Amino acid sequence: MLKHYNITAKGKVQGVWYRKSTQEKANEIGIKGFVKNQSDGSVYIEAEGNEDQLKSLLEWCAQGPQFAIVEDVSFTRGDIRSFEQFDILH
């Protein structure tokens, strides 16, 4: 069953390839949606997939890429938007 998560990652998550790495991970596990930087220094992700895919993405988000220092990852459930792919928004 398709689910939608709104995810926020906080910490040192900008300027460390977090968005690109998130896109690569999402594509690897079959997640659709987008990732973008927020003005407060966090990264915001909207992701759609099944429960296992989303759990895998959340676990990855808590680690992030090599130079990230993730302090917190939170999520809420949202309405399905039927994304076609996983994009990086600017």
N, C-alpha and C. Protein backbone atom coordinates (compact mmCIF):
# COMPACT_ATOMS: atom_id res chain seq x y z
N MET A 1 0.83 -1.19 0.00
CA MET A 1 0.00 0.00 0.00
C MET A 1 0.88 1.26 0.00
N LEU A 2 0.60 2.16 -0.91
CA LEU A 2 1.37 3.39 -1.05
C LEU A 2 1.08 4.34 0.11
N LYS A 3 2.18 4.90 0.65
CA LYS A 3 2.07 5.87 1.74
C LYS A 3 2.90 7.10 1.39
N HIS A 4 2.60 8.21 2.05
CA HIS A 4 3.29 9.48 1.82
C HIS A 4 3.84 9.97 3.15
N TYR A 5 5.14 10.27 3.18
CA TYR A 5 5.79 10.82 4.37
C TYR A 5 6.35 12.20 4.05
N ASN A 6 6.18 13.13 4.98
CA ASN A 6 6.84 14.43 4.97
C ASN A 6 7.97 14.32 6.00
N ILE A 7 9.21 14.39 5.54
CA ILE A 7 10.38 14.13 6.38
C ILE A 7 11.21 15.41 6.51
N THR A 8 11.69 15.69 7.72
CA THR A 8 12.60 16.80 7.94
C THR A 8 13.86 16.27 8.63
N ALA A 9 15.00 16.59 8.03
CA ALA A 9 16.30 16.21 8.61
C ALA A 9 16.99 17.49 9.08
N LYS A 10 17.48 17.48 10.32
CA LYS A 10 18.15 18.64 10.90
C LYS A 10 19.57 18.28 11.30
N GLY A 11 20.42 19.30 11.34
CA GLY A 11 21.82 19.12 11.69
C GLY A 11 22.67 19.73 10.59
N LYS A 12 23.85 19.17 10.36
CA LYS A 12 24.69 19.62 9.25
C LYS A 12 24.28 18.80 8.02
N VAL A 13 23.22 19.29 7.36
CA VAL A 13 22.64 18.54 6.25
C VAL A 13 22.61 19.35 4.94
N GLN A 14 23.13 20.56 4.99
CA GLN A 14 23.27 21.34 3.76
C GLN A 14 24.74 21.52 3.45
N GLY A 15 25.07 21.48 2.15
CA GLY A 15 26.46 21.64 1.73
C GLY A 15 27.28 20.37 1.90
N VAL A 16 26.61 19.23 2.08
CA VAL A 16 27.32 17.95 2.28
C VAL A 16 26.77 16.86 1.35
N TRP A 17 26.15 17.29 0.24
CA TRP A 17 25.59 16.37 -0.75
C TRP A 17 24.41 15.57 -0.22
N TYR A 18 23.71 16.09 0.77
CA TYR A 18 22.57 15.38 1.35
C TYR A 18 21.44 15.21 0.33
N ARG A 19 21.10 16.28 -0.41
CA ARG A 19 20.00 16.18 -1.37
C ARG A 19 20.32 15.17 -2.48
N LYS A 20 21.48 15.27 -3.06
CA LYS A 20 21.86 14.36 -4.15
C LYS A 20 21.91 12.91 -3.65
N SER A 21 22.48 12.71 -2.49
CA SER A 21 22.57 11.37 -1.92
C SER A 21 21.18 10.81 -1.59
N THR A 22 20.28 11.69 -1.13
CA THR A 22 18.90 11.26 -0.85
C THR A 22 18.22 10.83 -2.15
N GLN A 23 18.44 11.60 -3.20
CA GLN A 23 17.86 11.25 -4.50
C GLN A 23 18.38 9.89 -4.97
N GLU A 24 19.67 9.67 -4.84
CA GLU A 24 20.26 8.39 -5.25
C GLU A 24 19.68 7.23 -4.44
N LYS A 25 19.54 7.40 -3.13
CA LYS A 25 18.97 6.35 -2.27
C LYS A 25 17.51 6.11 -2.63
N ALA A 26 16.76 7.18 -2.82
CA ALA A 26 15.34 7.04 -3.17
C ALA A 26 15.19 6.27 -4.49
N ASN A 27 15.99 6.60 -5.47
CA ASN A 27 15.93 5.90 -6.76
C ASN A 27 16.31 4.43 -6.60
N GLU A 28 17.29 4.17 -5.75
CA GLU A 28 17.75 2.79 -5.51
C GLU A 28 16.64 1.92 -4.91
N ILE A 29 15.85 2.49 -4.01
CA ILE A 29 14.82 1.70 -3.33
C ILE A 29 13.41 1.90 -3.89
N GLY A 30 13.27 2.75 -4.92
CA GLY A 30 11.98 2.90 -5.59
C GLY A 30 11.04 3.92 -5.00
N ILE A 31 11.58 4.91 -4.30
CA ILE A 31 10.78 5.99 -3.71
C ILE A 31 10.58 7.10 -4.74
N LYS A 32 9.40 7.69 -4.75
CA LYS A 32 9.09 8.85 -5.58
C LYS A 32 8.86 10.05 -4.67
N GLY A 33 9.16 11.26 -5.16
CA GLY A 33 8.93 12.46 -4.36
C GLY A 33 9.94 13.54 -4.68
N PHE A 34 10.37 14.27 -3.64
CA PHE A 34 11.37 15.32 -3.84
C PHE A 34 12.11 15.61 -2.54
N VAL A 35 13.23 16.31 -2.69
CA VAL A 35 14.04 16.77 -1.56
C VAL A 35 14.43 18.21 -1.84
N LYS A 36 14.44 19.04 -0.78
CA LYS A 36 14.87 20.43 -0.96
C LYS A 36 15.44 20.98 0.34
N ASN A 37 16.33 21.96 0.21
CA ASN A 37 16.87 22.67 1.36
C ASN A 37 15.83 23.65 1.87
N GLN A 38 15.83 23.85 3.19
CA GLN A 38 14.96 24.83 3.82
C GLN A 38 15.82 26.01 4.28
N SER A 39 15.20 27.18 4.42
CA SER A 39 15.94 28.38 4.82
C SER A 39 16.50 28.27 6.24
N ASP A 40 15.94 27.38 7.07
CA ASP A 40 16.43 27.23 8.45
C ASP A 40 17.61 26.28 8.56
N GLY A 41 18.12 25.78 7.42
CA GLY A 41 19.27 24.88 7.43
C GLY A 41 18.91 23.40 7.41
N SER A 42 17.63 23.09 7.50
CA SER A 42 17.19 21.70 7.45
C SER A 42 16.97 21.26 5.99
N VAL A 43 16.70 19.99 5.82
CA VAL A 43 16.34 19.44 4.52
C VAL A 43 14.95 18.84 4.65
N TYR A 44 14.09 19.13 3.67
CA TYR A 44 12.70 18.66 3.66
C TYR A 44 12.52 17.67 2.52
N ILE A 45 11.86 16.57 2.82
CA ILE A 45 11.65 15.50 1.84
C ILE A 45 10.17 15.13 1.84
N GLU A 46 9.60 14.99 0.67
CA GLU A 46 8.29 14.34 0.54
C GLU A 46 8.55 13.05 -0.21
N ALA A 47 8.12 11.94 0.35
CA ALA A 47 8.45 10.62 -0.19
C ALA A 47 7.21 9.74 -0.23
N GLU A 48 7.08 8.98 -1.33
CA GLU A 48 5.99 8.03 -1.46
C GLU A 48 6.53 6.66 -1.82
N GLY A 49 6.03 5.66 -1.12
CA GLY A 49 6.42 4.28 -1.35
C GLY A 49 5.66 3.40 -0.38
N ASN A 50 6.03 2.13 -0.35
CA ASN A 50 5.38 1.25 0.63
C ASN A 50 6.08 1.39 1.98
N GLU A 51 5.54 0.75 2.99
CA GLU A 51 6.05 0.89 4.37
C GLU A 51 7.53 0.52 4.47
N ASP A 52 7.93 -0.59 3.84
CA ASP A 52 9.34 -1.02 3.91
C ASP A 52 10.26 -0.04 3.22
N GLN A 53 9.85 0.49 2.06
CA GLN A 53 10.67 1.47 1.35
C GLN A 53 10.85 2.73 2.18
N LEU A 54 9.76 3.21 2.77
CA LEU A 54 9.83 4.43 3.56
C LEU A 54 10.65 4.24 4.83
N LYS A 55 10.53 3.08 5.45
CA LYS A 55 11.34 2.78 6.63
C LYS A 55 12.82 2.79 6.27
N SER A 56 13.15 2.20 5.13
CA SER A 56 14.53 2.18 4.66
C SER A 56 15.04 3.59 4.40
N LEU A 57 14.21 4.44 3.80
CA LEU A 57 14.61 5.83 3.54
C LEU A 57 14.82 6.57 4.86
N LEU A 58 13.93 6.39 5.82
CA LEU A 58 14.08 7.06 7.12
C LEU A 58 15.38 6.65 7.81
N GLU A 59 15.69 5.37 7.75
CA GLU A 59 16.95 4.89 8.34
C GLU A 59 18.14 5.55 7.67
N TRP A 60 18.07 5.65 6.33
CA TRP A 60 19.17 6.29 5.61
C TRP A 60 19.26 7.77 5.98
N CYS A 61 18.12 8.45 6.06
CA CYS A 61 18.10 9.88 6.38
C CYS A 61 18.75 10.17 7.74
N ALA A 62 18.61 9.25 8.67
CA ALA A 62 19.20 9.42 10.00
C ALA A 62 20.72 9.36 9.96
N GLN A 63 21.27 8.71 8.95
CA GLN A 63 22.73 8.64 8.77
C GLN A 63 23.22 9.71 7.81
N GLY A 64 22.56 9.79 6.64
CA GLY A 64 22.95 10.75 5.61
C GLY A 64 24.25 10.37 4.95
N PRO A 65 24.73 11.24 4.06
CA PRO A 65 26.00 10.99 3.38
C PRO A 65 27.19 11.18 4.30
N GLN A 66 28.35 10.89 3.80
CA GLN A 66 29.58 10.83 4.59
C GLN A 66 29.84 12.05 5.47
N PHE A 67 29.65 13.26 4.96
CA PHE A 67 30.03 14.46 5.70
C PHE A 67 28.87 15.10 6.47
N ALA A 68 27.70 14.49 6.41
CA ALA A 68 26.55 15.02 7.15
C ALA A 68 26.66 14.68 8.64
N ILE A 69 26.11 15.54 9.46
CA ILE A 69 25.95 15.26 10.89
C ILE A 69 24.47 15.46 11.19
N VAL A 70 23.73 14.36 11.14
CA VAL A 70 22.28 14.42 11.31
C VAL A 70 21.96 14.40 12.80
N GLU A 71 21.28 15.43 13.26
CA GLU A 71 20.92 15.54 14.67
C GLU A 71 19.51 15.04 14.94
N ASP A 72 18.63 15.16 13.95
CA ASP A 72 17.23 14.76 14.16
C ASP A 72 16.55 14.50 12.82
N VAL A 73 15.73 13.47 12.76
CA VAL A 73 14.87 13.20 11.60
C VAL A 73 13.47 12.99 12.14
N SER A 74 12.52 13.74 11.61
CA SER A 74 11.13 13.59 12.00
C SER A 74 10.28 13.43 10.75
N PHE A 75 9.10 12.83 10.93
CA PHE A 75 8.20 12.69 9.78
C PHE A 75 6.76 12.71 10.22
N THR A 76 5.92 13.11 9.29
CA THR A 76 4.47 13.02 9.45
C THR A 76 3.93 12.36 8.20
N ARG A 77 2.78 11.75 8.33
CA ARG A 77 2.13 11.15 7.17
C ARG A 77 1.35 12.24 6.44
N GLY A 78 1.27 12.09 5.12
CA GLY A 78 0.55 13.07 4.32
C GLY A 78 -0.32 12.39 3.28
N ASP A 79 -0.95 13.20 2.46
CA ASP A 79 -1.81 12.69 1.40
C ASP A 79 -0.98 12.30 0.18
N ILE A 80 -1.39 11.24 -0.49
CA ILE A 80 -0.71 10.76 -1.69
C ILE A 80 -0.77 11.83 -2.77
N ARG A 81 0.37 12.10 -3.40
CA ARG A 81 0.44 13.09 -4.48
C ARG A 81 0.80 12.45 -5.81
N SER A 82 1.11 11.17 -5.81
CA SER A 82 1.41 10.42 -7.05
C SER A 82 2.55 11.04 -7.86
N PHE A 83 3.70 11.19 -7.19
CA PHE A 83 4.89 11.69 -7.87
C PHE A 83 5.32 10.72 -8.97
N GLU A 84 5.93 11.25 -10.03
CA GLU A 84 6.39 10.42 -11.15
C GLU A 84 7.83 9.94 -10.96
N GLN A 85 8.62 10.70 -10.20
CA GLN A 85 10.03 10.39 -10.00
C GLN A 85 10.48 11.05 -8.70
N PHE A 86 11.78 11.02 -8.43
CA PHE A 86 12.30 11.68 -7.23
C PHE A 86 13.20 12.82 -7.68
N ASP A 87 12.81 14.05 -7.34
CA ASP A 87 13.50 15.24 -7.82
C ASP A 87 14.22 15.98 -6.70
N ILE A 88 15.21 16.76 -7.10
CA ILE A 88 15.86 17.73 -6.21
C ILE A 88 15.27 19.09 -6.57
N LEU A 89 14.64 19.73 -5.60
CA LEU A 89 14.08 21.06 -5.83
C LEU A 89 15.03 22.12 -5.27
N HIS A 90 15.01 23.28 -5.91
CA HIS A 90 15.91 24.38 -5.50
C HIS A 90 15.11 25.56 -5.03
